[in-house]
N, C-alpha and C. Protein backbone atom coordinates (compact mmCIF):
# COMPACT_ATOMS: atom_id res chain seq x y z
N MET A 1 21.02 -30.73 32.36
CA MET A 1 20.88 -29.67 31.38
C MET A 1 19.40 -29.53 31.01
N GLN A 2 18.93 -28.30 31.01
CA GLN A 2 17.53 -28.05 30.72
C GLN A 2 17.38 -27.66 29.25
N THR A 3 16.39 -28.22 28.59
CA THR A 3 16.13 -27.89 27.19
C THR A 3 14.85 -27.08 27.10
N ASN A 4 14.86 -26.12 26.21
CA ASN A 4 13.66 -25.31 25.98
C ASN A 4 12.80 -25.98 24.93
N SER A 5 11.52 -25.98 25.14
CA SER A 5 10.62 -26.61 24.19
C SER A 5 9.89 -25.57 23.33
N TYR A 6 10.49 -24.40 23.18
CA TYR A 6 9.88 -23.37 22.33
C TYR A 6 10.05 -23.75 20.88
N ARG A 7 8.98 -23.65 20.14
CA ARG A 7 9.04 -24.00 18.72
C ARG A 7 8.42 -22.86 17.92
N THR A 8 8.98 -22.60 16.77
CA THR A 8 8.42 -21.60 15.89
C THR A 8 7.25 -22.22 15.14
N GLU A 9 6.10 -21.60 15.26
CA GLU A 9 4.92 -22.10 14.57
C GLU A 9 4.95 -21.65 13.12
N SER A 10 4.70 -22.55 12.21
CA SER A 10 4.64 -22.24 10.79
C SER A 10 3.19 -22.39 10.34
N THR A 11 2.62 -21.32 9.82
CA THR A 11 1.22 -21.34 9.41
C THR A 11 1.04 -22.19 8.16
N ARG A 12 0.00 -23.00 8.18
CA ARG A 12 -0.34 -23.80 7.00
C ARG A 12 -1.42 -23.07 6.21
N PRO A 13 -1.52 -23.30 4.91
CA PRO A 13 -2.55 -22.61 4.11
C PRO A 13 -3.97 -22.84 4.63
N ALA A 14 -4.25 -24.00 5.21
CA ALA A 14 -5.60 -24.28 5.70
C ALA A 14 -5.93 -23.48 6.96
N ASP A 15 -4.91 -23.01 7.68
CA ASP A 15 -5.12 -22.30 8.94
C ASP A 15 -5.32 -20.79 8.77
N VAL A 16 -5.17 -20.27 7.56
CA VAL A 16 -5.20 -18.83 7.33
C VAL A 16 -6.65 -18.33 7.36
N GLU A 17 -6.88 -17.28 8.15
CA GLU A 17 -8.18 -16.62 8.17
C GLU A 17 -8.03 -15.27 7.47
N ARG A 18 -8.85 -15.04 6.48
CA ARG A 18 -8.72 -13.84 5.66
C ARG A 18 -9.80 -12.81 6.01
N SER A 19 -9.40 -11.54 5.98
CA SER A 19 -10.32 -10.42 6.19
C SER A 19 -10.39 -9.62 4.90
N TRP A 20 -11.37 -8.74 4.82
CA TRP A 20 -11.51 -7.84 3.69
C TRP A 20 -11.33 -6.41 4.18
N TYR A 21 -10.52 -5.64 3.45
CA TYR A 21 -10.29 -4.23 3.78
C TYR A 21 -10.63 -3.38 2.56
N ILE A 22 -11.07 -2.16 2.81
CA ILE A 22 -11.36 -1.23 1.72
C ILE A 22 -10.55 0.05 1.95
N VAL A 23 -9.96 0.58 0.87
CA VAL A 23 -9.14 1.78 0.93
C VAL A 23 -9.66 2.78 -0.10
N ASP A 24 -9.85 4.01 0.34
CA ASP A 24 -10.23 5.09 -0.57
C ASP A 24 -8.94 5.79 -1.00
N ALA A 25 -8.59 5.69 -2.29
CA ALA A 25 -7.32 6.21 -2.79
C ALA A 25 -7.38 7.68 -3.22
N GLU A 26 -8.48 8.35 -2.96
CA GLU A 26 -8.61 9.75 -3.40
C GLU A 26 -7.56 10.63 -2.72
N ASN A 27 -6.79 11.35 -3.52
CA ASN A 27 -5.72 12.25 -3.09
C ASN A 27 -4.61 11.57 -2.28
N MET A 28 -4.45 10.26 -2.45
CA MET A 28 -3.35 9.56 -1.77
C MET A 28 -2.18 9.43 -2.73
N ILE A 29 -0.98 9.31 -2.18
CA ILE A 29 0.23 9.20 -2.98
C ILE A 29 0.42 7.73 -3.37
N VAL A 30 0.76 7.50 -4.63
CA VAL A 30 0.82 6.15 -5.19
C VAL A 30 1.73 5.22 -4.38
N GLY A 31 2.97 5.59 -4.20
CA GLY A 31 3.93 4.70 -3.56
C GLY A 31 3.60 4.38 -2.12
N ARG A 32 3.14 5.36 -1.38
CA ARG A 32 2.82 5.15 0.04
C ARG A 32 1.59 4.26 0.21
N LEU A 33 0.60 4.48 -0.63
CA LEU A 33 -0.59 3.63 -0.58
C LEU A 33 -0.26 2.21 -0.99
N CYS A 34 0.44 2.05 -2.10
CA CYS A 34 0.68 0.72 -2.65
C CYS A 34 1.61 -0.12 -1.78
N SER A 35 2.56 0.50 -1.09
CA SER A 35 3.44 -0.27 -0.21
C SER A 35 2.65 -0.83 0.98
N LYS A 36 1.70 -0.06 1.50
CA LYS A 36 0.86 -0.54 2.59
C LYS A 36 -0.07 -1.65 2.11
N VAL A 37 -0.65 -1.47 0.92
CA VAL A 37 -1.55 -2.48 0.35
C VAL A 37 -0.78 -3.78 0.08
N ALA A 38 0.42 -3.69 -0.45
CA ALA A 38 1.23 -4.88 -0.73
C ALA A 38 1.57 -5.63 0.55
N SER A 39 1.83 -4.89 1.61
CA SER A 39 2.14 -5.51 2.90
C SER A 39 0.92 -6.28 3.44
N ILE A 40 -0.26 -5.74 3.26
CA ILE A 40 -1.47 -6.41 3.73
C ILE A 40 -1.78 -7.63 2.85
N LEU A 41 -1.60 -7.50 1.54
CA LEU A 41 -1.81 -8.64 0.64
C LEU A 41 -0.86 -9.79 0.98
N ARG A 42 0.33 -9.44 1.40
CA ARG A 42 1.35 -10.44 1.74
C ARG A 42 1.11 -11.05 3.11
N GLY A 43 0.46 -10.32 4.02
CA GLY A 43 0.16 -10.82 5.35
C GLY A 43 1.17 -10.42 6.39
N LYS A 44 2.00 -9.42 6.11
CA LYS A 44 3.05 -9.02 7.05
C LYS A 44 2.51 -8.30 8.27
N HIS A 45 1.25 -7.89 8.26
CA HIS A 45 0.66 -7.22 9.41
C HIS A 45 0.15 -8.21 10.46
N LYS A 46 0.22 -9.49 10.17
CA LYS A 46 -0.29 -10.51 11.08
C LYS A 46 0.86 -11.16 11.87
N PRO A 47 0.60 -11.55 13.10
CA PRO A 47 1.65 -12.25 13.86
C PRO A 47 1.91 -13.66 13.33
N THR A 48 1.00 -14.18 12.51
CA THR A 48 1.17 -15.53 11.95
C THR A 48 1.83 -15.51 10.58
N PHE A 49 2.49 -14.41 10.21
CA PHE A 49 3.11 -14.29 8.89
C PHE A 49 4.12 -15.41 8.67
N THR A 50 4.00 -16.06 7.52
CA THR A 50 4.94 -17.09 7.09
C THR A 50 5.34 -16.75 5.66
N PRO A 51 6.64 -16.60 5.38
CA PRO A 51 7.06 -16.11 4.07
C PRO A 51 6.66 -17.00 2.89
N HIS A 52 6.57 -18.32 3.09
CA HIS A 52 6.29 -19.21 1.97
C HIS A 52 4.82 -19.59 1.85
N VAL A 53 3.94 -18.93 2.64
CA VAL A 53 2.51 -19.20 2.60
C VAL A 53 1.78 -17.87 2.38
N ASP A 54 0.73 -17.91 1.58
CA ASP A 54 -0.08 -16.71 1.34
C ASP A 54 -1.00 -16.49 2.55
N THR A 55 -0.55 -15.65 3.49
CA THR A 55 -1.32 -15.40 4.71
C THR A 55 -2.06 -14.07 4.67
N GLY A 56 -2.04 -13.39 3.54
CA GLY A 56 -2.58 -12.04 3.44
C GLY A 56 -4.09 -11.97 3.36
N ASP A 57 -4.58 -10.73 3.39
CA ASP A 57 -6.01 -10.45 3.34
C ASP A 57 -6.38 -9.84 2.00
N TYR A 58 -7.69 -9.74 1.75
CA TYR A 58 -8.20 -9.11 0.54
C TYR A 58 -8.21 -7.59 0.74
N VAL A 59 -7.89 -6.86 -0.34
CA VAL A 59 -7.90 -5.40 -0.28
C VAL A 59 -8.68 -4.87 -1.49
N ILE A 60 -9.63 -3.97 -1.22
CA ILE A 60 -10.40 -3.29 -2.27
C ILE A 60 -9.92 -1.84 -2.29
N VAL A 61 -9.50 -1.37 -3.45
CA VAL A 61 -9.08 0.02 -3.61
C VAL A 61 -10.10 0.72 -4.50
N ILE A 62 -10.74 1.77 -3.96
CA ILE A 62 -11.71 2.54 -4.75
C ILE A 62 -11.12 3.92 -5.05
N ASN A 63 -11.69 4.60 -6.02
CA ASN A 63 -11.24 5.92 -6.48
C ASN A 63 -9.79 5.88 -6.97
N ALA A 64 -9.43 4.82 -7.68
CA ALA A 64 -8.06 4.68 -8.18
C ALA A 64 -7.73 5.76 -9.21
N GLU A 65 -8.73 6.32 -9.87
CA GLU A 65 -8.48 7.36 -10.87
C GLU A 65 -8.06 8.68 -10.23
N LYS A 66 -8.28 8.84 -8.92
CA LYS A 66 -7.97 10.10 -8.24
C LYS A 66 -6.69 10.03 -7.42
N ILE A 67 -5.89 8.99 -7.64
CA ILE A 67 -4.61 8.86 -6.93
C ILE A 67 -3.63 9.86 -7.52
N ARG A 68 -2.63 10.26 -6.74
CA ARG A 68 -1.71 11.29 -7.24
C ARG A 68 -0.25 10.90 -7.04
N PHE A 69 0.60 11.56 -7.80
CA PHE A 69 2.04 11.40 -7.70
C PHE A 69 2.62 12.63 -7.00
N THR A 70 3.81 12.49 -6.45
CA THR A 70 4.48 13.65 -5.85
C THR A 70 5.41 14.26 -6.88
N GLY A 71 5.73 15.52 -6.70
CA GLY A 71 6.68 16.20 -7.57
C GLY A 71 6.20 16.27 -9.01
N ALA A 72 7.13 16.08 -9.94
CA ALA A 72 6.83 16.19 -11.37
C ALA A 72 6.61 14.83 -12.02
N LYS A 73 6.34 13.79 -11.21
CA LYS A 73 6.18 12.44 -11.77
C LYS A 73 4.99 12.33 -12.72
N GLU A 74 3.97 13.14 -12.50
CA GLU A 74 2.81 13.10 -13.38
C GLU A 74 3.20 13.43 -14.82
N MET A 75 4.21 14.26 -15.02
CA MET A 75 4.66 14.64 -16.36
C MET A 75 5.89 13.86 -16.82
N LYS A 76 6.80 13.55 -15.91
CA LYS A 76 8.09 12.96 -16.30
C LYS A 76 8.12 11.44 -16.27
N LYS A 77 7.30 10.81 -15.44
CA LYS A 77 7.30 9.35 -15.34
C LYS A 77 6.75 8.75 -16.62
N GLU A 78 7.26 7.56 -17.00
CA GLU A 78 6.78 6.88 -18.20
C GLU A 78 6.62 5.40 -17.92
N TYR A 79 5.52 4.83 -18.39
CA TYR A 79 5.30 3.39 -18.29
C TYR A 79 5.78 2.76 -19.59
N PHE A 80 6.60 1.73 -19.47
CA PHE A 80 7.28 1.11 -20.61
C PHE A 80 6.60 -0.21 -20.96
N SER A 81 6.36 -0.43 -22.25
CA SER A 81 5.90 -1.73 -22.73
C SER A 81 6.61 -2.02 -24.04
N TYR A 82 6.73 -3.30 -24.34
CA TYR A 82 7.47 -3.71 -25.53
C TYR A 82 6.66 -4.77 -26.27
N SER A 83 6.49 -4.59 -27.58
CA SER A 83 5.66 -5.49 -28.37
C SER A 83 6.38 -6.78 -28.75
N GLY A 84 7.70 -6.78 -28.70
CA GLY A 84 8.46 -7.95 -29.12
C GLY A 84 9.07 -7.79 -30.50
N TYR A 85 8.70 -6.74 -31.20
CA TYR A 85 9.25 -6.47 -32.51
C TYR A 85 10.33 -5.40 -32.40
N PRO A 86 11.27 -5.37 -33.35
CA PRO A 86 12.29 -4.31 -33.32
C PRO A 86 11.63 -2.93 -33.38
N GLY A 87 12.06 -2.06 -32.51
CA GLY A 87 11.50 -0.71 -32.46
C GLY A 87 10.10 -0.67 -31.89
N GLY A 88 9.66 -1.73 -31.21
CA GLY A 88 8.29 -1.83 -30.74
C GLY A 88 8.07 -1.39 -29.32
N GLU A 89 8.96 -0.54 -28.78
CA GLU A 89 8.74 -0.10 -27.41
C GLU A 89 7.80 1.11 -27.37
N LYS A 90 7.01 1.16 -26.31
CA LYS A 90 6.08 2.28 -26.13
C LYS A 90 6.35 2.88 -24.75
N LEU A 91 6.40 4.19 -24.69
CA LEU A 91 6.54 4.92 -23.44
C LEU A 91 5.31 5.79 -23.29
N VAL A 92 4.55 5.56 -22.22
CA VAL A 92 3.28 6.25 -22.04
C VAL A 92 3.30 6.99 -20.70
N PRO A 93 3.00 8.30 -20.68
CA PRO A 93 2.96 9.04 -19.42
C PRO A 93 1.72 8.67 -18.59
N PRO A 94 1.78 8.89 -17.27
CA PRO A 94 0.65 8.52 -16.40
C PRO A 94 -0.68 9.16 -16.76
N LYS A 95 -0.66 10.39 -17.31
CA LYS A 95 -1.95 11.03 -17.64
C LYS A 95 -2.68 10.27 -18.74
N ASP A 96 -1.94 9.70 -19.70
CA ASP A 96 -2.58 8.90 -20.75
C ASP A 96 -3.03 7.55 -20.22
N VAL A 97 -2.23 6.95 -19.35
CA VAL A 97 -2.60 5.68 -18.74
C VAL A 97 -3.86 5.85 -17.90
N ARG A 98 -3.93 6.94 -17.14
CA ARG A 98 -5.08 7.22 -16.28
C ARG A 98 -6.35 7.40 -17.10
N ARG A 99 -6.22 7.98 -18.29
CA ARG A 99 -7.39 8.20 -19.15
C ARG A 99 -7.90 6.89 -19.74
N LYS A 100 -6.96 6.01 -20.18
CA LYS A 100 -7.37 4.76 -20.83
C LYS A 100 -7.73 3.67 -19.84
N LYS A 101 -6.90 3.46 -18.81
CA LYS A 101 -7.15 2.40 -17.84
C LYS A 101 -6.75 2.90 -16.46
N PRO A 102 -7.67 3.54 -15.73
CA PRO A 102 -7.33 4.20 -14.47
C PRO A 102 -6.85 3.26 -13.37
N THR A 103 -7.18 1.98 -13.45
CA THR A 103 -6.76 1.05 -12.40
C THR A 103 -5.33 0.56 -12.58
N PHE A 104 -4.75 0.75 -13.75
CA PHE A 104 -3.43 0.20 -14.06
C PHE A 104 -2.33 0.76 -13.15
N ILE A 105 -2.40 2.02 -12.80
CA ILE A 105 -1.33 2.65 -12.00
C ILE A 105 -1.20 1.95 -10.65
N VAL A 106 -2.31 1.71 -9.98
CA VAL A 106 -2.27 1.04 -8.68
C VAL A 106 -1.88 -0.43 -8.84
N GLU A 107 -2.48 -1.11 -9.81
CA GLU A 107 -2.18 -2.53 -10.02
C GLU A 107 -0.71 -2.74 -10.34
N ASN A 108 -0.15 -1.92 -11.20
CA ASN A 108 1.25 -2.05 -11.60
C ASN A 108 2.19 -1.81 -10.42
N ALA A 109 1.90 -0.80 -9.61
CA ALA A 109 2.74 -0.49 -8.46
C ALA A 109 2.70 -1.61 -7.42
N VAL A 110 1.52 -2.14 -7.14
CA VAL A 110 1.40 -3.21 -6.15
C VAL A 110 2.05 -4.49 -6.66
N ARG A 111 1.84 -4.80 -7.94
CA ARG A 111 2.44 -6.01 -8.51
C ARG A 111 3.96 -5.99 -8.39
N GLY A 112 4.55 -4.83 -8.58
CA GLY A 112 6.00 -4.72 -8.47
C GLY A 112 6.52 -4.86 -7.05
N MET A 113 5.65 -4.68 -6.05
CA MET A 113 6.05 -4.78 -4.65
C MET A 113 5.81 -6.16 -4.05
N LEU A 114 5.15 -7.05 -4.79
CA LEU A 114 4.89 -8.39 -4.30
C LEU A 114 6.00 -9.34 -4.76
N PRO A 115 6.12 -10.52 -4.13
CA PRO A 115 7.14 -11.48 -4.56
C PRO A 115 6.92 -11.92 -6.00
N LYS A 116 7.99 -12.21 -6.68
CA LYS A 116 7.89 -12.70 -8.05
C LYS A 116 7.67 -14.21 -8.01
N GLY A 117 6.88 -14.72 -8.92
CA GLY A 117 6.62 -16.16 -8.97
C GLY A 117 5.16 -16.47 -8.68
N SER A 118 4.88 -17.76 -8.50
CA SER A 118 3.50 -18.20 -8.34
C SER A 118 2.87 -17.70 -7.05
N LEU A 119 3.65 -17.57 -5.98
CA LEU A 119 3.11 -17.07 -4.72
C LEU A 119 2.68 -15.61 -4.84
N GLY A 120 3.49 -14.80 -5.52
CA GLY A 120 3.14 -13.40 -5.74
C GLY A 120 1.91 -13.24 -6.62
N ARG A 121 1.78 -14.10 -7.63
CA ARG A 121 0.59 -14.04 -8.48
C ARG A 121 -0.66 -14.42 -7.69
N GLN A 122 -0.53 -15.37 -6.79
CA GLN A 122 -1.65 -15.77 -5.94
C GLN A 122 -2.05 -14.62 -5.01
N MET A 123 -1.07 -13.91 -4.47
CA MET A 123 -1.35 -12.77 -3.59
C MET A 123 -2.00 -11.64 -4.36
N PHE A 124 -1.56 -11.41 -5.60
CA PHE A 124 -2.08 -10.31 -6.41
C PHE A 124 -3.56 -10.50 -6.73
N LYS A 125 -4.02 -11.73 -6.79
CA LYS A 125 -5.43 -12.00 -7.10
C LYS A 125 -6.37 -11.50 -6.00
N LYS A 126 -5.84 -11.22 -4.81
CA LYS A 126 -6.66 -10.74 -3.72
C LYS A 126 -6.81 -9.22 -3.74
N LEU A 127 -6.21 -8.55 -4.72
CA LEU A 127 -6.34 -7.11 -4.87
C LEU A 127 -7.47 -6.81 -5.85
N LYS A 128 -8.40 -5.96 -5.43
CA LYS A 128 -9.52 -5.54 -6.28
C LYS A 128 -9.46 -4.02 -6.40
N VAL A 129 -9.26 -3.51 -7.61
CA VAL A 129 -9.09 -2.07 -7.83
C VAL A 129 -10.23 -1.57 -8.71
N TYR A 130 -10.84 -0.46 -8.30
CA TYR A 130 -11.96 0.13 -9.04
C TYR A 130 -11.71 1.63 -9.22
N ALA A 131 -12.05 2.14 -10.41
CA ALA A 131 -11.80 3.54 -10.74
C ALA A 131 -12.70 4.48 -9.94
N GLY A 132 -13.94 4.10 -9.74
CA GLY A 132 -14.89 4.95 -9.01
C GLY A 132 -15.13 4.46 -7.60
N THR A 133 -16.26 4.90 -7.03
CA THR A 133 -16.57 4.53 -5.65
C THR A 133 -17.38 3.25 -5.54
N GLU A 134 -17.93 2.78 -6.64
CA GLU A 134 -18.78 1.58 -6.62
C GLU A 134 -17.92 0.32 -6.73
N HIS A 135 -18.31 -0.72 -5.95
CA HIS A 135 -17.65 -2.02 -6.04
C HIS A 135 -18.66 -3.10 -5.68
N PRO A 136 -18.48 -4.34 -6.21
CA PRO A 136 -19.46 -5.40 -5.97
C PRO A 136 -19.15 -6.28 -4.76
N HIS A 137 -18.42 -5.78 -3.77
CA HIS A 137 -17.98 -6.62 -2.65
C HIS A 137 -18.63 -6.21 -1.32
N GLU A 138 -19.83 -5.66 -1.36
CA GLU A 138 -20.51 -5.27 -0.12
C GLU A 138 -20.84 -6.47 0.75
N ALA A 139 -21.10 -7.63 0.15
CA ALA A 139 -21.46 -8.82 0.90
C ALA A 139 -20.33 -9.29 1.81
N GLN A 140 -19.09 -8.97 1.48
CA GLN A 140 -17.94 -9.38 2.30
C GLN A 140 -17.74 -8.47 3.52
N GLN A 141 -18.49 -7.39 3.61
CA GLN A 141 -18.40 -6.43 4.71
C GLN A 141 -16.97 -5.97 4.98
N PRO A 142 -16.36 -5.29 3.99
CA PRO A 142 -14.96 -4.87 4.18
C PRO A 142 -14.82 -3.79 5.25
N GLU A 143 -13.73 -3.87 5.99
CA GLU A 143 -13.43 -2.87 7.02
C GLU A 143 -12.64 -1.75 6.40
N PRO A 144 -12.91 -0.48 6.76
CA PRO A 144 -12.11 0.61 6.23
C PRO A 144 -10.68 0.53 6.77
N LEU A 145 -9.73 0.77 5.91
CA LEU A 145 -8.31 0.71 6.29
C LEU A 145 -7.75 2.11 6.29
N ALA A 146 -7.27 2.55 7.42
CA ALA A 146 -6.69 3.90 7.55
C ALA A 146 -5.21 3.83 7.19
N ILE A 147 -4.82 4.61 6.18
CA ILE A 147 -3.42 4.65 5.76
C ILE A 147 -2.89 6.05 5.97
């Protein structure tokens, strides 16, 4: 009887090589952009993907203030927060969120698409979101990511 010696390789955290990518979010749709970014942060685009190891790359998102929603979501969608007190819920539309903190829309969408727990929090730290075109990561030589 012949036995196969094929083994599934499991990536260790020390073996992970990380790249830097930059995405221009101007006139891009929130959900489509963020699902691709979450996949890259998680490392699913690599053949060495391992679910229990952070194998993802760094992603820089610029022009986050110019991202758009489809349909009537700009007017009808609401971001929910709760203070912890009775009657302390707040519902804020995206136009107000965009005015006060333009990076929140992208960060919130990507955070919801990553795994929950310590591994997801570790992956989320590799996301860098900026409202304008300027960012302090030129030294990392990020590659443009076509979405």
